[in-house]
Protein backbone atom coordinates (compact mmCIF):
# COMPACT_ATOMS: atom_id res chain seq x y z
CA UNK A 1 -22.66 41.71 -18.37
CA UNK A 2 -19.30 39.76 -18.50
CA UNK A 3 -17.33 38.93 -21.55
CA UNK A 4 -17.46 35.35 -21.94
CA UNK A 5 -13.14 34.02 -22.96
CA UNK A 6 -14.33 30.87 -24.19
CA UNK A 7 -15.74 29.18 -27.25
CA UNK A 8 -17.63 26.33 -27.62
CA UNK A 9 -17.47 24.44 -30.89
CA UNK A 10 -20.33 21.46 -31.55
CA UNK A 11 -19.13 21.63 -35.42
CA UNK A 12 -17.15 18.54 -36.60
CA UNK A 13 -16.49 20.47 -39.65
CA UNK A 14 -15.36 23.73 -37.69
CA UNK A 15 -13.20 21.68 -35.49
CA UNK A 16 -11.18 20.61 -38.52
CA UNK A 17 -11.35 23.59 -39.95
CA UNK A 18 -9.68 25.09 -36.75
CA UNK A 19 -7.01 22.18 -36.88
CA UNK A 20 -6.30 23.36 -40.27
CA UNK A 21 -5.28 26.76 -38.91
CA UNK A 22 -3.02 25.25 -35.89
CA UNK A 23 -5.69 26.22 -33.50
CA UNK A 24 -5.86 23.95 -31.12
CA UNK A 25 -8.99 23.29 -28.54
CA UNK A 26 -8.48 23.37 -24.47
CA UNK A 27 -10.94 20.92 -23.60
CA UNK A 28 -13.19 18.23 -25.45
CA UNK A 29 -16.52 16.87 -23.52
CA UNK A 30 -19.63 15.32 -24.02
CA UNK A 31 -22.78 17.39 -23.81
CA UNK A 32 -24.94 15.39 -20.95
CA UNK A 33 -28.52 15.67 -22.74
CA UNK A 34 -27.84 15.25 -26.19
CA UNK A 35 -24.62 12.95 -26.05
CA UNK A 36 -23.00 15.40 -28.68
CA UNK A 37 -19.26 16.25 -28.42
CA UNK A 38 -18.15 19.73 -28.14
CA UNK A 39 -14.84 21.38 -28.12
CA UNK A 40 -13.80 24.28 -26.16
CA UNK A 41 -11.45 27.12 -27.36
CA UNK A 42 -9.89 29.82 -25.71
CA UNK A 43 -10.80 33.35 -27.42
CA UNK A 44 -8.13 35.31 -29.02
CA UNK A 45 -7.21 37.29 -32.17
CA UNK A 46 -6.48 34.10 -34.19
CA UNK A 47 -9.95 32.08 -33.02
CA UNK A 48 -11.48 35.28 -34.20
CA UNK A 49 -9.89 35.76 -37.57
CA UNK A 50 -10.31 32.38 -38.32
CA UNK A 51 -14.12 32.39 -37.12
CA UNK A 52 -14.55 35.31 -39.53
CA UNK A 53 -13.06 33.31 -42.53
CA UNK A 54 -15.14 30.31 -41.43
CA UNK A 55 -18.57 32.43 -41.65
CA UNK A 56 -17.27 33.82 -45.27
CA UNK A 57 -16.89 30.59 -46.31
CA UNK A 58 -20.20 28.98 -44.86
CA UNK A 59 -22.11 31.82 -46.52
CA UNK A 60 -20.61 31.27 -49.79
CA UNK A 61 -21.67 27.66 -49.76
CA UNK A 62 -24.67 28.42 -48.63
CA UNK A 63 -25.23 30.97 -51.24
CA UNK A 64 -24.06 28.33 -53.68
CA UNK A 65 -25.46 25.43 -52.80
CA UNK A 66 -28.92 27.28 -52.62
CA UNK A 67 -28.44 28.57 -56.05
CA UNK A 68 -27.70 25.25 -57.38
CA UNK A 69 -30.58 23.48 -55.74
CA UNK A 70 -33.25 25.92 -57.34
CA UNK A 71 -31.42 26.13 -60.61
CA UNK A 72 -31.02 22.38 -61.28
CA UNK A 73 -34.48 21.27 -60.47
CA UNK A 74 -35.49 19.29 -63.33
CA UNK A 75 -39.05 19.63 -64.70
CA UNK A 76 -40.76 16.41 -65.06
CA UNK A 77 -44.08 16.55 -67.43
CA UNK A 78 -47.23 15.01 -66.13
CA UNK A 79 -45.91 15.09 -62.71
CA UNK A 80 -47.34 17.67 -59.83
CA UNK A 81 -46.01 18.38 -56.83
């Protein structure tokens, strides 16, 4: 198995996060079928560290969001879902 040295990014928020960390993409493209824009980064230690931080932020927001969604559901009398 070959070690891929490229990281494709299809997420605009992730691209903006990496930009805030002064990590620049090498190539930008458009997926031929989905027409989604993507950015290609060369893998290195700086990128890997930023992606680890991104995962922690994403997991934290997901957990927080799920707690808010499940805790803040209003109960309406006489309405059945």
